[in-house]
């Protein structure tokens, strides 16, 4: 299972949905967003705080609220158990001096669900290490 492949993303979806600690906060989130790891992009659909769909098979007819896009190399650093400085969260990666992540679209939705999105993305660091 390689980072950012469909199997890895399914494992991430399951990890997020199993997390009972954030269940109450997440349950208010209804949003669709695109997360881009270099050339690989996924549409993530969240309903009542559960990640219902993670798909790399989406079209222009699908809609989303916001996007988080960055180079694959940046996301690889982000998912390290202890990421290097400026890769520890999406805000550091998006900082204008660093510019390794683009936040686009209706970022108001992202701000409204900041804690949930941050918590969800943090689960990427908790997935089983990939054998080299």
C-alpha atoms as a PDB file:
ATOM      1  CA  UNK A   1       0.000   0.000   0.000  1.00  0.00           C
ATOM      2  CA  UNK A   2       1.734   3.139  -1.228  1.00  0.00           C
ATOM      3  CA  UNK A   3       0.895   6.603   0.078  1.00  0.00           C
ATOM      4  CA  UNK A   4      -1.868   8.335  -1.862  1.00  0.00           C
ATOM      5  CA  UNK A   5      -2.924   5.298  -3.880  1.00  0.00           C
ATOM      6  CA  UNK A   6      -6.614   4.269  -3.744  1.00  0.00           C
ATOM      7  CA  UNK A   7      -5.986   1.507  -1.178  1.00  0.00           C
ATOM      8  CA  UNK A   8      -4.133   3.933   1.100  1.00  0.00           C
ATOM      9  CA  UNK A   9      -6.936   6.479   0.778  1.00  0.00           C
ATOM     10  CA  UNK A  10      -9.492   3.796   1.697  1.00  0.00           C
ATOM     11  CA  UNK A  11      -7.430   2.983   4.804  1.00  0.00           C
ATOM     12  CA  UNK A  12      -7.409   6.711   5.649  1.00  0.00           C
ATOM     13  CA  UNK A  13     -11.196   6.916   5.186  1.00  0.00           C
ATOM     14  CA  UNK A  14     -11.702   3.960   7.527  1.00  0.00           C
ATOM     15  CA  UNK A  15      -9.322   5.414  10.135  1.00  0.00           C
ATOM     16  CA  UNK A  16     -11.182   8.730  10.137  1.00  0.00           C
ATOM     17  CA  UNK A  17     -14.575   7.062  10.420  1.00  0.00           C
ATOM     18  CA  UNK A  18     -13.419   4.861  13.336  1.00  0.00           C
ATOM     19  CA  UNK A  19     -12.220   7.856  15.376  1.00  0.00           C
ATOM     20  CA  UNK A  20     -14.708   8.215  18.217  1.00  0.00           C
ATOM     21  CA  UNK A  21     -12.804  11.059  19.915  1.00  0.00           C
ATOM     22  CA  UNK A  22     -13.868  13.545  17.253  1.00  0.00           C
ATOM     23  CA  UNK A  23     -17.276  12.080  16.533  1.00  0.00           C
ATOM     24  CA  UNK A  24     -19.227  14.987  18.041  1.00  0.00           C
ATOM     25  CA  UNK A  25     -17.220  17.739  16.334  1.00  0.00           C
ATOM     26  CA  UNK A  26     -17.154  15.953  12.985  1.00  0.00           C
ATOM     27  CA  UNK A  27     -20.850  15.223  12.966  1.00  0.00           C
ATOM     28  CA  UNK A  28     -21.628  18.827  11.960  1.00  0.00           C
ATOM     29  CA  UNK A  29     -19.550  18.619   8.807  1.00  0.00           C
ATOM     30  CA  UNK A  30     -21.216  18.207   5.426  1.00  0.00           C
ATOM     31  CA  UNK A  31     -18.780  19.101   2.666  1.00  0.00           C
ATOM     32  CA  UNK A  32     -17.060  17.901  -0.455  1.00  0.00           C
ATOM     33  CA  UNK A  33     -13.435  18.743  -1.097  1.00  0.00           C
ATOM     34  CA  UNK A  34     -10.654  17.836  -3.460  1.00  0.00           C
ATOM     35  CA  UNK A  35      -7.282  16.849  -2.112  1.00  0.00           C
ATOM     36  CA  UNK A  36      -4.444  16.797  -4.616  1.00  0.00           C
ATOM     37  CA  UNK A  37      -1.165  14.960  -4.144  1.00  0.00           C
ATOM     38  CA  UNK A  38       0.752  16.181  -7.174  1.00  0.00           C
ATOM     39  CA  UNK A  39      -1.012  14.764 -10.229  1.00  0.00           C
ATOM     40  CA  UNK A  40      -3.231  12.476  -8.156  1.00  0.00           C
ATOM     41  CA  UNK A  41      -6.474  14.022  -6.943  1.00  0.00           C
ATOM     42  CA  UNK A  42      -9.366  12.648  -4.918  1.00  0.00           C
ATOM     43  CA  UNK A  43     -12.853  13.947  -4.293  1.00  0.00           C
ATOM     44  CA  UNK A  44     -13.691  13.468  -0.618  1.00  0.00           C
ATOM     45  CA  UNK A  45     -17.357  13.587   0.433  1.00  0.00           C
ATOM     46  CA  UNK A  46     -18.135  14.062   4.110  1.00  0.00           C
ATOM     47  CA  UNK A  47     -21.679  13.701   5.439  1.00  0.00           C
ATOM     48  CA  UNK A  48     -22.564  14.096   9.104  1.00  0.00           C
ATOM     49  CA  UNK A  49     -18.844  13.930   9.818  1.00  0.00           C
ATOM     50  CA  UNK A  50     -18.252  10.584   8.148  1.00  0.00           C
ATOM     51  CA  UNK A  51     -16.115  10.271   5.045  1.00  0.00           C
ATOM     52  CA  UNK A  52     -18.648   8.629   2.758  1.00  0.00           C
ATOM     53  CA  UNK A  53     -16.701   8.706  -0.475  1.00  0.00           C
ATOM     54  CA  UNK A  54     -13.096   9.019  -1.579  1.00  0.00           C
ATOM     55  CA  UNK A  55     -12.818   8.793  -5.329  1.00  0.00           C
ATOM     56  CA  UNK A  56     -10.216   9.390  -7.983  1.00  0.00           C
ATOM     57  CA  UNK A  57     -12.952   8.767 -10.580  1.00  0.00           C
ATOM     58  CA  UNK A  58     -14.735  12.100 -10.621  1.00  0.00           C
ATOM     59  CA  UNK A  59     -15.672  14.484 -13.388  1.00  0.00           C
ATOM     60  CA  UNK A  60     -16.316  18.175 -13.908  1.00  0.00           C
ATOM     61  CA  UNK A  61     -19.974  17.429 -13.161  1.00  0.00           C
ATOM     62  CA  UNK A  62     -19.075  16.623  -9.565  1.00  0.00           C
ATOM     63  CA  UNK A  63     -19.002  19.637  -7.284  1.00  0.00           C
ATOM     64  CA  UNK A  64     -16.847  20.460  -4.309  1.00  0.00           C
ATOM     65  CA  UNK A  65     -16.493  23.248  -1.791  1.00  0.00           C
ATOM     66  CA  UNK A  66     -12.727  23.690  -1.588  1.00  0.00           C
ATOM     67  CA  UNK A  67      -9.460  22.160  -2.699  1.00  0.00           C
ATOM     68  CA  UNK A  68      -6.169  21.406  -1.005  1.00  0.00           C
ATOM     69  CA  UNK A  69      -3.482  20.861  -3.648  1.00  0.00           C
ATOM     70  CA  UNK A  70       0.233  20.444  -3.208  1.00  0.00           C
ATOM     71  CA  UNK A  71       3.210  18.617  -4.653  1.00  0.00           C
ATOM     72  CA  UNK A  72       3.414  14.942  -3.786  1.00  0.00           C
ATOM     73  CA  UNK A  73       6.797  15.543  -2.136  1.00  0.00           C
ATOM     74  CA  UNK A  74       5.210  18.057   0.257  1.00  0.00           C
ATOM     75  CA  UNK A  75       2.440  15.645   1.239  1.00  0.00           C
ATOM     76  CA  UNK A  76       5.034  12.893   1.760  1.00  0.00           C
ATOM     77  CA  UNK A  77       6.744  15.142   4.312  1.00  0.00           C
ATOM     78  CA  UNK A  78       3.373  16.083   5.825  1.00  0.00           C
ATOM     79  CA  UNK A  79       2.497  12.435   6.561  1.00  0.00           C
ATOM     80  CA  UNK A  80       5.790  11.669   8.320  1.00  0.00           C
ATOM     81  CA  UNK A  81       5.192  10.750  11.994  1.00  0.00           C
ATOM     82  CA  UNK A  82       7.125  13.898  12.966  1.00  0.00           C
ATOM     83  CA  UNK A  83       7.082  16.180   9.917  1.00  0.00           C
ATOM     84  CA  UNK A  84       9.831  18.733   9.331  1.00  0.00           C
ATOM     85  CA  UNK A  85       9.131  22.428   9.965  1.00  0.00           C
ATOM     86  CA  UNK A  86       6.694  24.014   7.513  1.00  0.00           C
ATOM     87  CA  UNK A  87       5.145  20.601   6.760  1.00  0.00           C
ATOM     88  CA  UNK A  88       3.522  20.025  10.149  1.00  0.00           C
ATOM     89  CA  UNK A  89       0.102  21.345   9.130  1.00  0.00           C
ATOM     90  CA  UNK A  90      -1.792  22.694   6.153  1.00  0.00           C
ATOM     91  CA  UNK A  91      -1.408  26.293   7.309  1.00  0.00           C
ATOM     92  CA  UNK A  92       2.373  26.050   7.402  1.00  0.00           C
ATOM     93  CA  UNK A  93       2.382  24.404   3.981  1.00  0.00           C
ATOM     94  CA  UNK A  94       0.143  27.144   2.570  1.00  0.00           C
ATOM     95  CA  UNK A  95       2.096  30.046   4.082  1.00  0.00           C
ATOM     96  CA  UNK A  96       3.024  32.588   1.368  1.00  0.00           C
ATOM     97  CA  UNK A  97       6.733  32.287   2.207  1.00  0.00           C
ATOM     98  CA  UNK A  98       6.551  28.533   1.731  1.00  0.00           C
ATOM     99  CA  UNK A  99       3.745  28.086  -0.798  1.00  0.00           C
ATOM    100  CA  UNK A 100       3.709  24.287  -0.875  1.00  0.00           C
ATOM    101  CA  UNK A 101      -0.086  24.024  -0.654  1.00  0.00           C
ATOM    102  CA  UNK A 102      -2.858  25.856  -2.466  1.00  0.00           C
ATOM    103  CA  UNK A 103      -6.244  26.322  -0.807  1.00  0.00           C
ATOM    104  CA  UNK A 104      -8.860  27.222  -3.376  1.00  0.00           C
ATOM    105  CA  UNK A 105     -12.604  27.437  -3.727  1.00  0.00           C
ATOM    106  CA  UNK A 106     -15.016  28.270  -0.928  1.00  0.00           C
ATOM    107  CA  UNK A 107     -12.453  28.344   1.858  1.00  0.00           C
ATOM    108  CA  UNK A 108     -15.153  29.609   4.209  1.00  0.00           C
ATOM    109  CA  UNK A 109     -16.319  25.986   4.435  1.00  0.00           C
ATOM    110  CA  UNK A 110     -12.757  24.978   5.280  1.00  0.00           C
ATOM    111  CA  UNK A 111     -12.612  27.596   8.050  1.00  0.00           C
ATOM    112  CA  UNK A 112     -15.982  26.477   9.407  1.00  0.00           C
ATOM    113  CA  UNK A 113     -14.736  22.898   9.696  1.00  0.00           C
ATOM    114  CA  UNK A 114     -11.082  23.597  10.383  1.00  0.00           C
ATOM    115  CA  UNK A 115     -10.812  21.363  13.424  1.00  0.00           C
ATOM    116  CA  UNK A 116     -12.478  18.452  11.649  1.00  0.00           C
ATOM    117  CA  UNK A 117     -10.373  18.775   8.490  1.00  0.00           C
ATOM    118  CA  UNK A 118      -7.149  19.117  10.468  1.00  0.00           C
ATOM    119  CA  UNK A 119      -8.032  16.087  12.569  1.00  0.00           C
ATOM    120  CA  UNK A 120      -8.952  14.081   9.482  1.00  0.00           C
ATOM    121  CA  UNK A 121      -5.699  14.916   7.721  1.00  0.00           C
ATOM    122  CA  UNK A 122      -3.733  14.069  10.860  1.00  0.00           C
ATOM    123  CA  UNK A 123      -4.957  10.494  10.489  1.00  0.00           C
ATOM    124  CA  UNK A 124      -2.760  10.227   7.400  1.00  0.00           C
ATOM    125  CA  UNK A 125       0.224  10.161   9.763  1.00  0.00           C
ATOM    126  CA  UNK A 126      -1.264   7.271  11.724  1.00  0.00           C
ATOM    127  CA  UNK A 127      -1.558   4.830   8.844  1.00  0.00           C
ATOM    128  CA  UNK A 128       0.731   1.835   8.855  1.00  0.00           C
ATOM    129  CA  UNK A 129       4.189   2.598   7.479  1.00  0.00           C
ATOM    130  CA  UNK A 130       4.723   1.545   3.903  1.00  0.00           C
ATOM    131  CA  UNK A 131       7.305  -1.168   3.318  1.00  0.00           C
ATOM    132  CA  UNK A 132      10.108   0.034   1.052  1.00  0.00           C
END
